[in-house]
Amino acid sequence: MRAWGERALDACAAWAPPLAEEIAGIAAGAGLEPWQVGVINARTEILAAIDMVGHGECSTSVVLPQDGPPRTVQTWDWHDHLRDAPVLWEYEQDSGRVVRTFTEAGTLAKIGVTTAGLGVHFNILRHDSDTPETGVPVHLIARRILDEASSVEEAVDLARSARVSASTVITVVTGTGAASIEISPAGVAAIPPGPDGVLLHCNHFLDAGLAAGSGTPPSGRAPTTACGTWRTTSKG
């Protein structure tokens, strides 16, 4: 576990040095070693490294109506004994942007919304290209999108800039658009809403090229745990 945590921190330090410093600060405040907080942030990468195949978890739904702000919701299906681990964390950047994220203690971000008028949802994916060579933790990609992106296009560019070892999909929503950004070591693809303005994503790839290597087949399993609803507008 220590080796995985240290590799995750190295990848983070190369891609986003301020986030590596933040992890070190959390560790110091909690009386832990930095690699231990690195492990928490690299949970998805560790699951990929041990080739853990689940039965599906989260489901995300986005509707972009013609006459109003987006409506989004997702489930967060996870282990019952971790129900007390999540936190709702709000912070303000030097730029004045306020970020609110629903995440787990010690993890820098997961689901969230910002005063820049952008929100994210987060679903795990599996892909044949997933590797034990720990890359940038996907939770940190969500954090940088919340911190830096103001459009779907900027969020996609941030996702493409990270070398990853595990797969996920980060659905980004603004007041005018949305996309499910499918991320894997084999590549990144952005799935837009349909003509009806509806965008749905569970735990399998929708991009035709990436779907060939999807490690989780499409499933009819119904979501079981509702975690919340986010509303975003162009004014945040």
Protein backbone atom coordinates (compact mmCIF):
# COMPACT_ATOMS: atom_id res chain seq x y z
CA MET A 1 0.00 0.00 0.00
CA ARG A 2 2.82 2.40 0.82
CA ALA A 3 4.37 1.91 -2.62
CA TRP A 4 1.03 2.66 -4.32
CA GLY A 5 0.54 5.74 -2.18
CA GLU A 6 4.02 7.07 -2.89
CA ARG A 7 3.67 6.49 -6.64
CA ALA A 8 0.35 8.34 -6.57
CA LEU A 9 2.00 11.28 -4.81
CA ASP A 10 4.82 11.32 -7.35
CA ALA A 11 2.31 11.41 -10.21
CA CYS A 12 0.36 14.16 -8.46
CA ALA A 13 3.49 16.23 -7.79
CA ALA A 14 4.43 16.09 -11.47
CA TRP A 15 0.93 17.01 -12.73
CA ALA A 16 -0.40 19.31 -10.00
CA PRO A 17 2.24 20.33 -7.42
CA PRO A 18 -0.19 22.42 -5.30
CA LEU A 19 -2.42 19.38 -4.81
CA ALA A 20 0.56 17.29 -3.67
CA GLU A 21 1.33 20.02 -1.14
CA GLU A 22 -2.30 20.00 0.01
CA ILE A 23 -2.18 16.24 0.56
CA ALA A 24 0.99 16.70 2.63
CA GLY A 25 -0.80 19.36 4.68
CA ILE A 26 -3.79 17.10 5.31
CA ALA A 27 -1.43 14.34 6.40
CA ALA A 28 0.39 16.65 8.80
CA GLY A 29 -2.86 17.89 10.30
CA ALA A 30 -4.16 14.34 10.73
CA GLY A 31 -0.92 12.96 12.16
CA LEU A 32 -0.42 10.64 9.17
CA GLU A 33 2.32 10.02 6.65
CA PRO A 34 1.72 11.65 3.24
CA TRP A 35 1.63 8.26 1.52
CA GLN A 36 -1.36 7.27 3.68
CA VAL A 37 -3.40 10.20 2.38
CA GLY A 38 -2.04 9.39 -1.07
CA VAL A 39 -3.60 5.93 -0.75
CA ILE A 40 -6.98 7.46 0.08
CA ASN A 41 -6.85 9.64 -3.01
CA ALA A 42 -5.63 6.73 -5.17
CA ARG A 43 -8.40 4.30 -4.18
CA THR A 44 -9.56 3.91 -7.81
CA GLU A 45 -6.00 3.31 -8.98
CA ILE A 46 -5.44 0.64 -6.33
CA LEU A 47 -8.68 -1.14 -7.31
CA ALA A 48 -7.40 -1.15 -10.90
CA ALA A 49 -3.98 -2.42 -9.80
CA ILE A 50 -5.49 -5.45 -8.06
CA ASP A 51 -7.89 -5.99 -11.00
CA MET A 52 -10.96 -5.65 -8.82
CA VAL A 53 -14.11 -5.99 -10.93
CA GLY A 54 -17.31 -4.71 -9.36
CA HIS A 55 -20.93 -5.05 -10.33
CA GLY A 56 -21.59 -1.41 -11.07
CA GLU A 57 -21.90 1.47 -8.68
CA CYS A 58 -22.88 5.02 -9.52
CA SER A 59 -25.40 6.30 -12.05
CA THR A 60 -25.56 9.89 -13.35
CA SER A 61 -28.43 11.66 -15.11
CA VAL A 62 -28.36 15.10 -16.74
CA VAL A 63 -31.20 16.99 -18.40
CA LEU A 64 -30.60 20.24 -20.29
CA PRO A 65 -34.04 21.81 -20.72
CA GLN A 66 -34.57 24.46 -23.39
CA ASP A 67 -36.15 26.91 -20.98
CA GLY A 68 -34.25 26.57 -17.72
CA PRO A 69 -31.05 25.59 -15.94
CA PRO A 70 -29.64 22.04 -16.07
CA ARG A 71 -31.04 19.37 -13.77
CA THR A 72 -28.56 16.74 -12.62
CA VAL A 73 -28.58 13.88 -10.13
CA GLN A 74 -26.46 10.86 -9.35
CA THR A 75 -26.35 7.89 -7.03
CA TRP A 76 -23.27 7.01 -5.04
CA ASP A 77 -23.48 3.26 -4.42
CA TRP A 78 -20.67 2.33 -2.07
CA HIS A 79 -19.98 0.23 1.02
CA ASP A 80 -22.48 0.69 3.85
CA HIS A 81 -19.76 0.82 6.49
CA LEU A 82 -18.33 3.94 4.80
CA ARG A 83 -21.54 5.92 5.16
CA ASP A 84 -19.92 8.15 7.80
CA ALA A 85 -16.79 8.84 5.73
CA PRO A 86 -18.22 11.45 3.30
CA VAL A 87 -17.88 15.15 3.95
CA LEU A 88 -19.35 18.23 2.26
CA TRP A 89 -16.43 20.61 1.93
CA GLU A 90 -16.53 24.22 0.76
CA TYR A 91 -13.51 26.42 0.12
CA GLU A 92 -12.76 29.73 -1.61
CA GLN A 93 -9.81 30.20 -3.93
CA ASP A 94 -7.67 33.32 -4.14
CA SER A 95 -9.50 34.13 -7.38
CA GLY A 96 -12.78 34.26 -5.48
CA ARG A 97 -14.16 31.05 -6.97
CA VAL A 98 -16.01 28.99 -4.36
CA VAL A 99 -15.96 25.21 -4.70
CA ARG A 100 -18.26 22.85 -2.86
CA THR A 101 -17.50 19.13 -3.11
CA PHE A 102 -19.10 16.01 -1.69
CA THR A 103 -16.19 13.68 -1.09
CA GLU A 104 -14.58 11.36 1.46
CA ALA A 105 -12.41 12.54 4.34
CA GLY A 106 -8.89 13.04 3.00
CA THR A 107 -9.90 12.83 -0.68
CA LEU A 108 -9.46 16.18 -2.41
CA ALA A 109 -12.67 16.08 -4.48
CA LYS A 110 -15.38 13.94 -6.02
CA ILE A 111 -18.84 15.31 -6.86
CA GLY A 112 -19.06 19.09 -6.80
CA VAL A 113 -20.25 22.48 -8.01
CA THR A 114 -18.59 25.88 -8.28
CA THR A 115 -19.53 29.55 -8.47
CA ALA A 116 -18.01 29.52 -11.97
CA GLY A 117 -21.24 27.78 -12.99
CA LEU A 118 -19.73 24.30 -13.43
CA GLY A 119 -20.56 21.04 -11.67
CA VAL A 120 -19.19 17.49 -11.86
CA HIS A 121 -20.45 13.98 -11.22
CA PHE A 122 -18.21 10.96 -10.81
CA ASN A 123 -18.67 7.29 -11.82
CA ILE A 124 -16.10 4.51 -11.76
CA LEU A 125 -15.24 2.60 -14.94
CA ARG A 126 -13.05 -0.40 -15.74
CA HIS A 127 -10.98 -0.85 -18.90
CA ASP A 128 -8.64 -3.48 -20.28
CA SER A 129 -5.92 -0.82 -20.44
CA ASP A 130 -6.00 -0.20 -16.67
CA THR A 131 -2.57 -0.85 -15.20
CA PRO A 132 -0.85 -1.23 -11.82
CA GLU A 133 1.63 1.50 -12.85
CA THR A 134 -0.01 4.17 -10.71
CA GLY A 135 -0.79 7.37 -12.58
CA VAL A 136 -2.55 10.59 -11.62
CA PRO A 137 -5.44 9.72 -9.28
CA VAL A 138 -8.71 10.36 -11.10
CA HIS A 139 -10.15 12.08 -8.02
CA LEU A 140 -7.48 14.75 -8.47
CA ILE A 141 -8.62 15.29 -12.06
CA ALA A 142 -12.07 16.07 -10.67
CA ARG A 143 -10.45 18.50 -8.23
CA ARG A 144 -8.55 20.39 -10.93
CA ILE A 145 -11.68 20.59 -13.08
CA LEU A 146 -13.57 22.11 -10.16
CA ASP A 147 -10.70 24.50 -9.40
CA GLU A 148 -9.80 25.59 -12.92
CA ALA A 149 -12.43 24.82 -15.56
CA SER A 150 -15.26 27.14 -16.52
CA SER A 151 -16.42 25.23 -19.60
CA VAL A 152 -16.84 21.66 -20.79
CA GLU A 153 -13.98 22.18 -23.25
CA GLU A 154 -11.58 23.29 -20.50
CA ALA A 155 -12.55 20.28 -18.41
CA VAL A 156 -11.84 17.91 -21.32
CA ASP A 157 -8.43 19.53 -21.88
CA LEU A 158 -7.53 19.03 -18.20
CA ALA A 159 -8.56 15.38 -18.36
CA ARG A 160 -6.47 14.80 -21.47
CA SER A 161 -3.40 16.33 -19.79
CA ALA A 162 -3.19 13.65 -17.06
CA ARG A 163 -1.39 10.33 -17.40
CA VAL A 164 -3.76 7.87 -15.75
CA SER A 165 -3.59 4.22 -14.77
CA ALA A 166 -7.28 3.70 -13.95
CA SER A 167 -10.56 4.55 -15.62
CA THR A 168 -13.47 6.77 -14.62
CA VAL A 169 -16.08 9.06 -16.10
CA ILE A 170 -16.42 12.65 -14.91
CA THR A 171 -19.65 14.21 -16.12
CA VAL A 172 -19.26 17.98 -16.42
CA VAL A 173 -22.28 20.31 -16.54
CA THR A 174 -22.46 24.06 -17.12
CA GLY A 175 -25.31 26.44 -17.70
CA THR A 176 -25.10 25.84 -21.45
CA GLY A 177 -23.73 22.33 -21.96
CA ALA A 178 -22.62 18.98 -20.60
CA ALA A 179 -20.43 15.99 -21.42
CA SER A 180 -19.48 12.72 -19.81
CA ILE A 181 -15.67 12.67 -20.00
CA GLU A 182 -14.64 9.02 -20.19
CA ILE A 183 -11.06 8.65 -18.97
CA SER A 184 -8.82 5.59 -19.36
CA PRO A 185 -5.15 4.81 -20.05
CA ALA A 186 -6.28 4.04 -23.63
CA GLY A 187 -7.60 7.56 -24.14
CA VAL A 188 -10.20 10.17 -23.26
CA ALA A 189 -13.58 10.64 -24.94
CA ALA A 190 -16.31 13.22 -24.37
CA ILE A 191 -19.91 11.99 -24.68
CA PRO A 192 -22.40 14.81 -25.37
CA PRO A 193 -26.10 14.83 -24.49
CA GLY A 194 -28.57 13.46 -27.00
CA PRO A 195 -30.77 15.65 -29.20
CA ASP A 196 -33.33 15.69 -26.39
CA GLY A 197 -30.80 17.22 -24.00
CA VAL A 198 -30.56 14.05 -21.90
CA LEU A 199 -27.24 12.51 -20.86
CA LEU A 200 -27.16 9.26 -18.88
CA HIS A 201 -24.08 7.35 -17.67
CA CYS A 202 -23.51 4.32 -15.48
CA ASN A 203 -20.43 2.12 -15.17
CA HIS A 204 -19.65 1.11 -18.74
CA PHE A 205 -18.04 3.04 -21.60
CA LEU A 206 -20.26 4.67 -24.22
CA ASP A 207 -17.57 5.81 -26.66
CA ALA A 208 -17.41 3.24 -29.46
CA GLY A 209 -13.62 3.01 -29.45
CA LEU A 210 -13.21 2.72 -25.69
CA ALA A 211 -16.23 0.44 -25.23
CA ALA A 212 -14.38 -2.42 -26.94
CA GLY A 213 -12.10 -2.62 -23.90
CA SER A 214 -14.71 -1.90 -21.24
CA GLY A 215 -14.16 -4.02 -18.16
CA THR A 216 -17.74 -3.60 -16.93
CA PRO A 217 -20.50 -4.72 -19.30
CA PRO A 218 -23.77 -2.78 -19.59
CA SER A 219 -26.04 -3.68 -16.70
CA GLY A 220 -29.70 -3.33 -15.93
CA ARG A 221 -29.00 -3.15 -12.21
CA ALA A 222 -31.03 -0.39 -10.60
CA PRO A 223 -29.26 2.26 -8.52
CA THR A 224 -29.84 1.92 -4.80
CA THR A 225 -28.47 4.96 -3.00
CA ALA A 226 -29.30 8.56 -3.79
CA CYS A 227 -26.57 10.97 -2.76
CA GLY A 228 -27.91 14.31 -3.88
CA THR A 229 -28.92 16.73 -6.60
CA TRP A 230 -26.81 19.56 -7.96
CA ARG A 231 -28.18 22.53 -9.90
CA THR A 232 -25.83 24.75 -11.88
CA THR A 233 -26.53 27.91 -13.85
CA SER A 234 -24.34 30.32 -15.75
CA LYS A 235 -24.25 32.41 -12.56
CA GLY A 236 -23.26 29.47 -10.34
